[in-house]
């Protein structure tokens, strides 16, 4: 269960010179995601993922703060926050377009995240806690709708895993993310062939 994601986009709402809001890797995009037990790791994973699908010159001197709290989950909080953050960010930019503050939504693709792992040698998507705690390997994938990879984190929990096992996790992640892209489009009222934007 998710608390509604919120995004704030403002011209002067956040102090640009405050260290906790600045990340030189993404310049004008300010994203803070609070998702539980590992906030620094989650924030890095999430912020870098956002930088891959936002046109940084598309919203002027504004800053965006994404605050995504996953308040109830059985696993996959990092990837759930990325999937929900895309929807919140799209809505925030849509608001700026409707207010005639920017000409178009500066997103270049949809992005979603999913956790995968190997259970008894088989690739499984969206691991719950019991699966994650016994998985032979686990991985987090952030994928764009247009194809390619944004970010991967993978660990052999019980020893090395093979290239083929990695490819199986990637394949199941792609299938799961296709489903998540459809959910995002539904939430945003976008058609199937439009992941972007006016």
N, C-alpha and C. Protein backbone atom coordinates (compact mmCIF):
# COMPACT_ATOMS: atom_id res chain seq x y z
N UNK A 1 0.85 -1.17 0.00
CA UNK A 1 0.00 0.00 0.00
C UNK A 1 0.90 1.23 0.00
N UNK A 2 0.55 2.22 -0.78
CA UNK A 2 1.34 3.43 -0.88
C UNK A 2 0.53 4.62 -0.39
N UNK A 3 1.17 5.48 0.35
CA UNK A 3 0.59 6.77 0.61
C UNK A 3 0.71 7.55 -0.69
N UNK A 4 -0.24 8.40 -1.03
CA UNK A 4 -0.13 9.11 -2.31
C UNK A 4 1.20 9.83 -2.43
N UNK A 5 1.82 9.68 -3.57
CA UNK A 5 3.09 10.33 -3.83
C UNK A 5 2.85 11.80 -4.08
N UNK A 6 3.75 12.61 -3.62
CA UNK A 6 3.60 14.04 -3.83
C UNK A 6 4.86 14.57 -4.49
N UNK A 7 4.67 15.54 -5.33
CA UNK A 7 5.81 16.22 -5.95
C UNK A 7 5.53 17.70 -5.90
N UNK A 8 6.53 18.48 -5.60
CA UNK A 8 6.40 19.92 -5.55
C UNK A 8 7.35 20.50 -6.57
N UNK A 9 6.85 21.31 -7.46
CA UNK A 9 7.71 22.00 -8.40
C UNK A 9 7.46 23.49 -8.22
N UNK A 10 8.49 24.22 -7.93
CA UNK A 10 8.31 25.64 -7.65
C UNK A 10 9.51 26.42 -8.13
N UNK A 11 9.31 27.69 -8.36
CA UNK A 11 10.40 28.54 -8.82
C UNK A 11 11.36 28.89 -7.70
N UNK A 12 10.85 29.04 -6.51
CA UNK A 12 11.73 29.46 -5.43
C UNK A 12 11.39 28.74 -4.13
N UNK A 13 10.80 27.56 -4.22
CA UNK A 13 10.34 26.88 -3.03
C UNK A 13 11.42 26.24 -2.19
N UNK A 14 12.56 25.90 -2.79
CA UNK A 14 13.61 25.23 -2.05
C UNK A 14 14.92 25.99 -2.20
N UNK A 15 15.71 26.07 -1.15
CA UNK A 15 16.96 26.82 -1.24
C UNK A 15 17.99 26.09 -2.09
N UNK A 16 18.45 26.72 -3.16
CA UNK A 16 19.39 26.07 -4.06
C UNK A 16 20.78 25.95 -3.46
N UNK A 17 21.10 26.75 -2.48
CA UNK A 17 22.45 26.70 -1.94
C UNK A 17 22.55 25.83 -0.70
N UNK A 18 21.50 25.10 -0.36
CA UNK A 18 21.53 24.24 0.81
C UNK A 18 22.08 22.88 0.41
N UNK A 19 23.11 22.43 1.08
CA UNK A 19 23.83 21.23 0.67
C UNK A 19 22.93 20.00 0.59
N UNK A 20 21.98 19.86 1.51
CA UNK A 20 21.17 18.64 1.51
C UNK A 20 20.23 18.58 0.31
N UNK A 21 20.02 19.70 -0.38
CA UNK A 21 19.13 19.70 -1.54
C UNK A 21 19.89 19.72 -2.85
N UNK A 22 21.22 19.70 -2.79
CA UNK A 22 22.00 19.83 -4.03
C UNK A 22 22.66 18.51 -4.38
N UNK A 23 22.63 18.20 -5.64
CA UNK A 23 23.33 17.04 -6.15
C UNK A 23 23.93 17.46 -7.49
N UNK A 24 25.24 17.61 -7.57
CA UNK A 24 25.85 18.13 -8.80
C UNK A 24 25.62 17.25 -10.01
N UNK A 25 25.28 15.99 -9.79
CA UNK A 25 25.06 15.09 -10.91
C UNK A 25 23.79 15.43 -11.69
N UNK A 26 22.84 16.08 -11.04
CA UNK A 26 21.58 16.34 -11.73
C UNK A 26 21.21 17.82 -11.75
N UNK A 27 22.10 18.68 -11.37
CA UNK A 27 21.94 20.12 -11.46
C UNK A 27 20.60 20.58 -10.89
N UNK A 28 19.68 21.00 -11.75
CA UNK A 28 18.44 21.63 -11.29
C UNK A 28 17.41 20.69 -10.73
N UNK A 29 17.57 19.38 -10.90
CA UNK A 29 16.58 18.46 -10.37
C UNK A 29 16.96 18.10 -8.95
N UNK A 30 16.11 18.41 -8.02
CA UNK A 30 16.36 18.10 -6.63
C UNK A 30 15.38 17.00 -6.25
N UNK A 31 15.90 15.88 -5.85
CA UNK A 31 15.02 14.76 -5.50
C UNK A 31 15.49 14.17 -4.19
N UNK A 32 14.58 14.09 -3.24
CA UNK A 32 14.87 13.41 -1.99
C UNK A 32 13.81 12.34 -1.84
N UNK A 33 14.23 11.12 -1.70
CA UNK A 33 13.29 10.03 -1.52
C UNK A 33 13.58 9.38 -0.18
N UNK A 34 12.54 9.23 0.60
CA UNK A 34 12.68 8.64 1.92
C UNK A 34 11.94 7.32 1.90
N UNK A 35 12.66 6.23 1.91
CA UNK A 35 12.00 4.94 1.75
C UNK A 35 12.48 3.92 2.77
N UNK A 36 12.80 4.36 3.95
CA UNK A 36 12.99 3.39 4.99
C UNK A 36 14.41 3.14 5.40
N UNK A 37 14.79 1.88 5.43
CA UNK A 37 15.95 1.44 6.18
C UNK A 37 17.28 1.92 5.65
N UNK A 38 17.40 2.21 4.40
CA UNK A 38 18.70 2.53 3.83
C UNK A 38 18.62 3.83 3.05
N UNK A 39 18.31 4.96 3.70
CA UNK A 39 17.98 6.17 2.96
C UNK A 39 19.08 6.68 2.05
N UNK A 40 20.34 6.62 2.45
CA UNK A 40 21.40 7.15 1.59
C UNK A 40 21.52 6.34 0.31
N UNK A 41 21.50 5.02 0.45
CA UNK A 41 21.60 4.16 -0.72
C UNK A 41 20.36 4.32 -1.61
N UNK A 42 19.18 4.37 -1.00
CA UNK A 42 17.94 4.55 -1.75
C UNK A 42 17.96 5.88 -2.49
N UNK A 43 18.41 6.94 -1.81
CA UNK A 43 18.40 8.27 -2.42
C UNK A 43 19.31 8.29 -3.65
N UNK A 44 20.50 7.71 -3.53
CA UNK A 44 21.42 7.70 -4.67
C UNK A 44 20.82 6.93 -5.83
N UNK A 45 20.30 5.74 -5.56
CA UNK A 45 19.69 4.91 -6.59
C UNK A 45 18.54 5.66 -7.26
N UNK A 46 17.70 6.32 -6.47
CA UNK A 46 16.52 6.98 -7.00
C UNK A 46 16.87 8.26 -7.73
N UNK A 47 17.76 9.07 -7.19
CA UNK A 47 18.12 10.34 -7.81
C UNK A 47 18.80 10.11 -9.16
N UNK A 48 19.72 9.19 -9.22
CA UNK A 48 20.39 8.93 -10.48
C UNK A 48 19.42 8.36 -11.50
N UNK A 49 18.46 7.58 -11.05
CA UNK A 49 17.45 7.06 -11.98
C UNK A 49 16.62 8.20 -12.55
N UNK A 50 16.26 9.18 -11.72
CA UNK A 50 15.48 10.32 -12.21
C UNK A 50 16.26 11.12 -13.23
N UNK A 51 17.54 11.26 -13.02
CA UNK A 51 18.35 12.06 -13.95
C UNK A 51 18.36 11.48 -15.34
N UNK A 52 18.12 10.18 -15.47
CA UNK A 52 18.17 9.53 -16.78
C UNK A 52 16.95 9.83 -17.65
N UNK A 53 15.84 10.26 -17.07
CA UNK A 53 14.64 10.46 -17.88
C UNK A 53 14.07 11.87 -17.82
N UNK A 54 14.78 12.78 -17.20
CA UNK A 54 14.35 14.18 -17.12
C UNK A 54 15.24 15.04 -18.00
N UNK A 55 14.64 15.86 -18.83
CA UNK A 55 15.40 16.83 -19.63
C UNK A 55 15.69 18.01 -18.71
N UNK A 56 16.92 18.09 -18.24
CA UNK A 56 17.25 19.04 -17.17
C UNK A 56 17.11 20.49 -17.59
N UNK A 57 17.18 20.78 -18.88
CA UNK A 57 17.02 22.16 -19.33
C UNK A 57 15.56 22.50 -19.60
N UNK A 58 14.64 21.58 -19.27
CA UNK A 58 13.25 21.76 -19.64
C UNK A 58 12.36 22.42 -18.61
N UNK A 59 12.92 22.79 -17.45
CA UNK A 59 12.06 23.43 -16.46
C UNK A 59 12.73 24.62 -15.79
N UNK A 60 13.67 25.21 -16.49
CA UNK A 60 14.25 26.48 -16.05
C UNK A 60 14.98 26.38 -14.74
N UNK A 61 14.83 27.42 -13.94
CA UNK A 61 15.54 27.52 -12.66
C UNK A 61 14.77 26.87 -11.52
N UNK A 62 13.77 26.10 -11.86
CA UNK A 62 12.96 25.46 -10.81
C UNK A 62 13.67 24.25 -10.23
N UNK A 63 13.25 23.91 -9.03
CA UNK A 63 13.73 22.71 -8.37
C UNK A 63 12.54 21.81 -8.12
N UNK A 64 12.78 20.54 -8.11
CA UNK A 64 11.72 19.57 -7.86
C UNK A 64 12.15 18.71 -6.69
N UNK A 65 11.24 18.55 -5.76
CA UNK A 65 11.49 17.66 -4.63
C UNK A 65 10.46 16.55 -4.68
N UNK A 66 10.94 15.33 -4.75
CA UNK A 66 10.06 14.17 -4.72
C UNK A 66 10.19 13.52 -3.35
N UNK A 67 9.08 13.39 -2.68
CA UNK A 67 9.07 12.78 -1.35
C UNK A 67 8.19 11.55 -1.45
N UNK A 68 8.80 10.39 -1.55
CA UNK A 68 8.05 9.16 -1.75
C UNK A 68 8.25 8.24 -0.55
N UNK A 69 7.24 8.15 0.26
CA UNK A 69 7.28 7.26 1.41
C UNK A 69 6.51 6.00 1.07
N UNK A 70 7.17 4.87 1.11
CA UNK A 70 6.49 3.59 0.98
C UNK A 70 6.16 3.16 2.41
N UNK A 71 4.90 3.31 2.79
CA UNK A 71 4.53 3.13 4.19
C UNK A 71 4.14 1.70 4.53
N UNK A 72 3.85 0.90 3.53
CA UNK A 72 3.58 -0.51 3.78
C UNK A 72 4.04 -1.31 2.57
N UNK A 73 4.97 -2.20 2.81
CA UNK A 73 5.48 -3.03 1.71
C UNK A 73 6.13 -4.27 2.31
N UNK A 74 6.18 -5.29 1.51
CA UNK A 74 6.82 -6.52 1.94
C UNK A 74 8.15 -6.72 1.22
N UNK A 75 8.66 -5.65 0.64
CA UNK A 75 9.91 -5.71 -0.09
C UNK A 75 9.84 -4.76 -1.27
N UNK A 76 10.98 -4.50 -1.88
CA UNK A 76 11.01 -3.69 -3.09
C UNK A 76 10.69 -2.22 -2.89
N UNK A 77 11.00 -1.66 -1.72
CA UNK A 77 10.66 -0.25 -1.46
C UNK A 77 11.42 0.70 -2.36
N UNK A 78 12.68 0.39 -2.63
CA UNK A 78 13.49 1.25 -3.48
C UNK A 78 12.88 1.35 -4.87
N UNK A 79 12.56 0.21 -5.45
CA UNK A 79 12.04 0.21 -6.80
C UNK A 79 10.60 0.74 -6.84
N UNK A 80 9.83 0.48 -5.80
CA UNK A 80 8.47 1.04 -5.74
C UNK A 80 8.52 2.57 -5.69
N UNK A 81 9.50 3.11 -4.98
CA UNK A 81 9.60 4.57 -4.89
C UNK A 81 9.94 5.17 -6.25
N UNK A 82 10.75 4.50 -7.03
CA UNK A 82 11.11 5.00 -8.36
C UNK A 82 9.90 4.97 -9.28
N UNK A 83 9.16 3.88 -9.25
CA UNK A 83 7.97 3.75 -10.09
C UNK A 83 6.94 4.82 -9.74
N UNK A 84 6.70 5.03 -8.46
CA UNK A 84 5.75 6.05 -8.03
C UNK A 84 6.26 7.47 -8.25
N UNK A 85 7.57 7.66 -8.10
CA UNK A 85 8.15 8.98 -8.29
C UNK A 85 7.96 9.47 -9.71
N UNK A 86 8.01 8.56 -10.68
CA UNK A 86 7.78 8.97 -12.06
C UNK A 86 6.39 9.58 -12.21
N UNK A 87 5.39 8.95 -11.62
CA UNK A 87 4.01 9.46 -11.71
C UNK A 87 3.91 10.82 -11.03
N UNK A 88 4.49 10.94 -9.85
CA UNK A 88 4.44 12.22 -9.13
C UNK A 88 5.14 13.32 -9.91
N UNK A 89 6.29 12.99 -10.49
CA UNK A 89 7.04 13.99 -11.23
C UNK A 89 6.28 14.42 -12.49
N UNK A 90 5.69 13.47 -13.18
CA UNK A 90 4.89 13.80 -14.36
C UNK A 90 3.75 14.74 -13.98
N UNK A 91 3.08 14.45 -12.87
CA UNK A 91 1.96 15.30 -12.42
C UNK A 91 2.44 16.70 -12.05
N UNK A 92 3.60 16.78 -11.41
CA UNK A 92 4.13 18.10 -11.04
C UNK A 92 4.45 18.92 -12.28
N UNK A 93 5.09 18.29 -13.26
CA UNK A 93 5.40 19.00 -14.50
C UNK A 93 4.13 19.36 -15.26
N UNK A 94 3.14 18.47 -15.25
CA UNK A 94 1.87 18.77 -15.90
C UNK A 94 1.22 20.01 -15.28
N UNK A 95 1.33 20.14 -13.97
CA UNK A 95 0.81 21.33 -13.29
C UNK A 95 1.52 22.59 -13.79
N UNK A 96 2.83 22.53 -13.93
CA UNK A 96 3.57 23.68 -14.43
C UNK A 96 3.18 24.03 -15.86
N UNK A 97 2.91 23.01 -16.67
CA UNK A 97 2.44 23.27 -18.04
C UNK A 97 1.08 23.95 -18.00
N UNK A 98 0.17 23.44 -17.18
CA UNK A 98 -1.17 24.01 -17.08
C UNK A 98 -1.16 25.45 -16.56
N UNK A 99 -0.16 25.79 -15.79
CA UNK A 99 -0.01 27.16 -15.28
C UNK A 99 0.79 28.04 -16.24
N UNK A 100 1.14 27.50 -17.41
CA UNK A 100 1.93 28.22 -18.42
C UNK A 100 3.30 28.67 -17.90
N UNK A 101 3.88 27.84 -17.02
CA UNK A 101 5.20 28.16 -16.49
C UNK A 101 6.32 27.46 -17.26
N UNK A 102 5.99 26.36 -17.90
CA UNK A 102 6.92 25.69 -18.81
C UNK A 102 6.12 25.26 -20.04
N UNK A 103 6.77 25.15 -21.21
CA UNK A 103 6.01 24.87 -22.43
C UNK A 103 5.58 23.41 -22.59
N UNK A 104 6.34 22.48 -22.01
CA UNK A 104 6.00 21.07 -22.16
C UNK A 104 6.60 20.29 -21.00
N UNK A 105 6.13 19.07 -20.83
CA UNK A 105 6.62 18.22 -19.76
C UNK A 105 8.01 17.70 -20.15
N UNK A 106 9.03 18.01 -19.36
CA UNK A 106 10.41 17.68 -19.75
C UNK A 106 10.85 16.26 -19.36
N UNK A 107 10.02 15.29 -19.69
CA UNK A 107 10.38 13.90 -19.47
C UNK A 107 10.59 13.23 -20.82
N UNK A 108 11.62 12.44 -20.92
CA UNK A 108 11.95 11.85 -22.21
C UNK A 108 11.50 10.40 -22.33
N UNK A 109 11.08 9.79 -21.23
CA UNK A 109 10.63 8.41 -21.27
C UNK A 109 9.96 8.09 -19.94
N UNK A 110 9.23 6.99 -19.92
CA UNK A 110 8.75 6.44 -18.66
C UNK A 110 9.88 5.64 -18.04
N UNK A 111 9.88 5.55 -16.71
CA UNK A 111 10.86 4.73 -16.00
C UNK A 111 10.14 4.02 -14.87
N UNK A 112 10.48 2.75 -14.67
CA UNK A 112 9.93 1.98 -13.55
C UNK A 112 11.03 1.10 -12.99
N UNK A 113 10.85 0.69 -11.75
CA UNK A 113 11.81 -0.19 -11.11
C UNK A 113 11.14 -1.44 -10.59
N UNK A 114 11.91 -2.52 -10.56
CA UNK A 114 11.39 -3.80 -10.05
C UNK A 114 12.53 -4.58 -9.39
N UNK A 115 12.21 -5.29 -8.33
CA UNK A 115 13.19 -6.17 -7.71
C UNK A 115 12.98 -7.58 -8.26
N UNK A 116 14.07 -8.28 -8.47
CA UNK A 116 14.03 -9.66 -8.97
C UNK A 116 15.03 -10.48 -8.17
N UNK A 117 14.92 -11.78 -8.30
CA UNK A 117 15.88 -12.64 -7.62
C UNK A 117 15.83 -14.04 -8.16
N UNK A 118 16.71 -14.87 -7.64
CA UNK A 118 16.75 -16.29 -7.97
C UNK A 118 16.29 -17.08 -6.75
N UNK A 119 15.20 -17.82 -6.92
CA UNK A 119 14.67 -18.69 -5.88
C UNK A 119 14.73 -20.11 -6.42
N UNK A 120 15.49 -20.96 -5.78
CA UNK A 120 15.68 -22.35 -6.24
C UNK A 120 16.10 -22.37 -7.71
N UNK A 121 16.94 -21.43 -8.08
CA UNK A 121 17.48 -21.38 -9.43
C UNK A 121 16.58 -20.73 -10.47
N UNK A 122 15.37 -20.31 -10.08
CA UNK A 122 14.42 -19.70 -11.01
C UNK A 122 14.32 -18.20 -10.76
N UNK A 123 14.22 -17.45 -11.86
CA UNK A 123 14.07 -16.00 -11.74
C UNK A 123 12.65 -15.66 -11.31
N UNK A 124 12.54 -14.76 -10.33
CA UNK A 124 11.26 -14.33 -9.78
C UNK A 124 11.28 -12.81 -9.69
N UNK A 125 10.16 -12.18 -10.03
CA UNK A 125 10.05 -10.72 -9.94
C UNK A 125 9.26 -10.33 -8.70
N UNK A 126 9.51 -9.12 -8.21
CA UNK A 126 8.77 -8.51 -7.11
C UNK A 126 8.86 -9.37 -5.85
N UNK A 127 10.08 -9.58 -5.39
CA UNK A 127 10.32 -10.43 -4.23
C UNK A 127 9.68 -9.86 -2.98
N UNK A 128 9.03 -10.73 -2.21
CA UNK A 128 8.58 -10.29 -0.89
C UNK A 128 9.70 -10.57 0.11
N UNK A 129 9.46 -10.24 1.38
CA UNK A 129 10.53 -10.33 2.37
C UNK A 129 11.05 -11.76 2.51
N UNK A 130 10.14 -12.72 2.58
CA UNK A 130 10.60 -14.10 2.78
C UNK A 130 11.40 -14.59 1.58
N UNK A 131 11.00 -14.21 0.36
CA UNK A 131 11.77 -14.60 -0.83
C UNK A 131 13.12 -13.89 -0.84
N UNK A 132 13.11 -12.60 -0.55
CA UNK A 132 14.34 -11.83 -0.57
C UNK A 132 15.35 -12.37 0.43
N UNK A 133 14.88 -12.77 1.60
CA UNK A 133 15.79 -13.22 2.65
C UNK A 133 16.39 -14.60 2.36
N UNK A 134 15.80 -15.35 1.44
CA UNK A 134 16.34 -16.68 1.11
C UNK A 134 16.84 -16.77 -0.34
N UNK A 135 16.79 -15.69 -1.08
CA UNK A 135 17.16 -15.72 -2.50
C UNK A 135 18.64 -16.03 -2.66
N UNK A 136 18.94 -16.78 -3.72
CA UNK A 136 20.33 -17.05 -4.06
C UNK A 136 21.01 -15.81 -4.62
N UNK A 137 20.22 -14.98 -5.28
CA UNK A 137 20.71 -13.70 -5.82
C UNK A 137 19.54 -12.74 -5.82
N UNK A 138 19.83 -11.48 -5.67
CA UNK A 138 18.75 -10.49 -5.85
C UNK A 138 19.28 -9.32 -6.66
N UNK A 139 18.35 -8.65 -7.33
CA UNK A 139 18.72 -7.54 -8.21
C UNK A 139 17.60 -6.53 -8.25
N UNK A 140 17.97 -5.28 -8.36
CA UNK A 140 17.02 -4.19 -8.62
C UNK A 140 17.31 -3.66 -10.01
N UNK A 141 16.25 -3.54 -10.81
CA UNK A 141 16.38 -3.03 -12.17
C UNK A 141 15.55 -1.77 -12.30
N UNK A 142 16.10 -0.75 -12.95
CA UNK A 142 15.35 0.44 -13.35
C UNK A 142 15.43 0.49 -14.87
N UNK A 143 14.27 0.42 -15.51
CA UNK A 143 14.21 0.30 -16.96
C UNK A 143 13.33 1.39 -17.56
N UNK A 144 13.71 1.93 -18.70
CA UNK A 144 12.86 2.89 -19.40
C UNK A 144 11.91 2.15 -20.36
N UNK A 145 10.76 2.74 -20.60
CA UNK A 145 9.77 2.11 -21.49
C UNK A 145 10.30 1.98 -22.91
N UNK A 146 11.16 2.90 -23.33
CA UNK A 146 11.67 2.90 -24.69
C UNK A 146 12.78 1.90 -24.94
N UNK A 147 13.15 1.12 -23.94
CA UNK A 147 14.21 0.13 -24.10
C UNK A 147 15.52 0.59 -23.50
N UNK A 148 16.36 -0.35 -23.19
CA UNK A 148 17.65 -0.05 -22.58
C UNK A 148 17.61 -0.25 -21.08
N UNK A 149 18.64 0.24 -20.43
CA UNK A 149 18.79 0.09 -18.98
C UNK A 149 19.13 1.44 -18.38
N UNK A 150 18.54 1.73 -17.23
CA UNK A 150 18.91 2.93 -16.49
C UNK A 150 19.87 2.56 -15.36
N UNK A 151 19.50 1.55 -14.59
CA UNK A 151 20.36 1.16 -13.47
C UNK A 151 20.07 -0.27 -13.07
N UNK A 152 21.13 -0.95 -12.62
CA UNK A 152 21.03 -2.31 -12.11
C UNK A 152 21.87 -2.41 -10.85
N UNK A 153 21.33 -3.06 -9.83
CA UNK A 153 22.10 -3.46 -8.66
C UNK A 153 21.83 -4.95 -8.48
N UNK A 154 22.86 -5.76 -8.48
CA UNK A 154 22.68 -7.20 -8.34
C UNK A 154 23.73 -7.78 -7.41
N UNK A 155 23.31 -8.74 -6.60
CA UNK A 155 24.20 -9.35 -5.63
C UNK A 155 23.96 -10.85 -5.59
N UNK A 156 25.03 -11.61 -5.61
CA UNK A 156 24.95 -13.05 -5.37
C UNK A 156 24.96 -13.28 -3.88
N UNK A 157 23.80 -13.54 -3.31
CA UNK A 157 23.67 -13.66 -1.86
C UNK A 157 24.29 -14.95 -1.32
N UNK A 158 24.24 -16.01 -2.13
CA UNK A 158 24.74 -17.31 -1.67
C UNK A 158 25.89 -17.81 -2.54
N UNK A 159 26.49 -16.89 -3.28
CA UNK A 159 27.58 -17.25 -4.17
C UNK A 159 27.34 -16.65 -5.54
N UNK A 160 28.25 -16.88 -6.46
CA UNK A 160 28.10 -16.30 -7.79
C UNK A 160 26.87 -16.84 -8.52
N UNK A 161 26.34 -16.03 -9.41
CA UNK A 161 25.29 -16.50 -10.30
C UNK A 161 25.80 -16.36 -11.73
N UNK A 162 25.19 -17.09 -12.64
CA UNK A 162 25.70 -17.16 -14.00
C UNK A 162 25.17 -16.00 -14.85
N UNK A 163 25.81 -15.80 -15.98
CA UNK A 163 25.33 -14.80 -16.92
C UNK A 163 23.91 -15.14 -17.38
N UNK A 164 23.64 -16.41 -17.63
CA UNK A 164 22.30 -16.82 -18.06
C UNK A 164 21.28 -16.52 -16.97
N UNK A 165 21.62 -16.75 -15.71
CA UNK A 165 20.69 -16.42 -14.62
C UNK A 165 20.45 -14.91 -14.56
N UNK A 166 21.50 -14.12 -14.79
CA UNK A 166 21.32 -12.67 -14.84
C UNK A 166 20.37 -12.29 -15.97
N UNK A 167 20.56 -12.90 -17.14
CA UNK A 167 19.70 -12.61 -18.28
C UNK A 167 18.26 -13.00 -17.99
N UNK A 168 18.05 -14.10 -17.26
CA UNK A 168 16.69 -14.50 -16.89
C UNK A 168 16.06 -13.46 -15.96
N UNK A 169 16.84 -12.93 -15.01
CA UNK A 169 16.30 -11.89 -14.13
C UNK A 169 15.97 -10.64 -14.94
N UNK A 170 16.83 -10.26 -15.89
CA UNK A 170 16.57 -9.10 -16.72
C UNK A 170 15.31 -9.30 -17.56
N UNK A 171 15.14 -10.49 -18.13
CA UNK A 171 13.95 -10.76 -18.94
C UNK A 171 12.67 -10.64 -18.11
N UNK A 172 12.68 -11.19 -16.91
CA UNK A 172 11.48 -11.10 -16.07
C UNK A 172 11.27 -9.66 -15.59
N UNK A 173 12.36 -8.92 -15.39
CA UNK A 173 12.24 -7.51 -15.02
C UNK A 173 11.59 -6.71 -16.15
N UNK A 174 11.96 -6.99 -17.39
CA UNK A 174 11.37 -6.29 -18.53
C UNK A 174 9.88 -6.56 -18.62
N UNK A 175 9.48 -7.80 -18.42
CA UNK A 175 8.06 -8.14 -18.45
C UNK A 175 7.30 -7.43 -17.33
N UNK A 176 7.87 -7.45 -16.13
CA UNK A 176 7.22 -6.79 -14.98
C UNK A 176 7.14 -5.29 -15.20
N UNK A 177 8.19 -4.68 -15.71
CA UNK A 177 8.18 -3.23 -15.93
C UNK A 177 7.17 -2.84 -17.01
N UNK A 178 6.97 -3.69 -18.01
CA UNK A 178 5.93 -3.40 -19.00
C UNK A 178 4.57 -3.28 -18.32
N UNK A 179 4.32 -4.13 -17.34
CA UNK A 179 3.07 -4.05 -16.58
C UNK A 179 3.02 -2.76 -15.76
N UNK A 180 4.15 -2.39 -15.16
CA UNK A 180 4.21 -1.15 -14.37
C UNK A 180 4.03 0.08 -15.25
N UNK A 181 4.58 0.06 -16.46
CA UNK A 181 4.39 1.19 -17.38
C UNK A 181 2.90 1.38 -17.68
N UNK A 182 2.19 0.28 -17.85
CA UNK A 182 0.75 0.36 -18.13
C UNK A 182 0.01 0.97 -16.93
N UNK A 183 0.40 0.58 -15.72
CA UNK A 183 -0.22 1.14 -14.52
C UNK A 183 0.07 2.64 -14.42
N UNK A 184 1.31 3.04 -14.71
CA UNK A 184 1.65 4.46 -14.69
C UNK A 184 0.81 5.24 -15.70
N UNK A 185 0.70 4.72 -16.92
CA UNK A 185 -0.09 5.42 -17.94
C UNK A 185 -1.54 5.56 -17.52
N UNK A 186 -2.09 4.51 -16.92
CA UNK A 186 -3.46 4.57 -16.43
C UNK A 186 -3.60 5.65 -15.36
N UNK A 187 -2.67 5.68 -14.43
CA UNK A 187 -2.72 6.68 -13.35
C UNK A 187 -2.64 8.10 -13.90
N UNK A 188 -1.92 8.27 -15.00
CA UNK A 188 -1.72 9.60 -15.59
C UNK A 188 -2.73 9.92 -16.69
N UNK A 189 -3.58 8.95 -17.05
CA UNK A 189 -4.55 9.17 -18.11
C UNK A 189 -3.90 9.27 -19.49
N UNK A 190 -2.79 8.56 -19.69
CA UNK A 190 -2.08 8.58 -20.97
C UNK A 190 -2.45 7.36 -21.79
N UNK A 191 -2.42 7.49 -23.09
CA UNK A 191 -2.72 6.36 -23.97
C UNK A 191 -1.51 5.43 -24.02
N UNK A 192 -1.75 4.23 -24.54
CA UNK A 192 -0.70 3.22 -24.56
C UNK A 192 0.51 3.64 -25.39
N UNK A 193 0.27 4.40 -26.44
CA UNK A 193 1.39 4.78 -27.31
C UNK A 193 2.01 6.12 -26.90
N UNK A 194 1.59 6.64 -25.77
CA UNK A 194 2.14 7.92 -25.31
C UNK A 194 2.73 7.75 -23.93
N UNK A 195 4.02 7.71 -23.79
CA UNK A 195 4.59 7.74 -22.47
C UNK A 195 5.03 9.13 -22.17
N UNK A 196 4.85 9.98 -23.08
CA UNK A 196 5.28 11.34 -22.85
C UNK A 196 4.26 12.24 -23.44
N UNK A 197 3.77 12.93 -23.40
CA UNK A 197 3.94 14.22 -22.94
C UNK A 197 3.47 15.14 -24.05
N UNK A 198 2.99 16.18 -23.85
CA UNK A 198 2.48 17.07 -24.88
C UNK A 198 3.59 17.73 -25.67
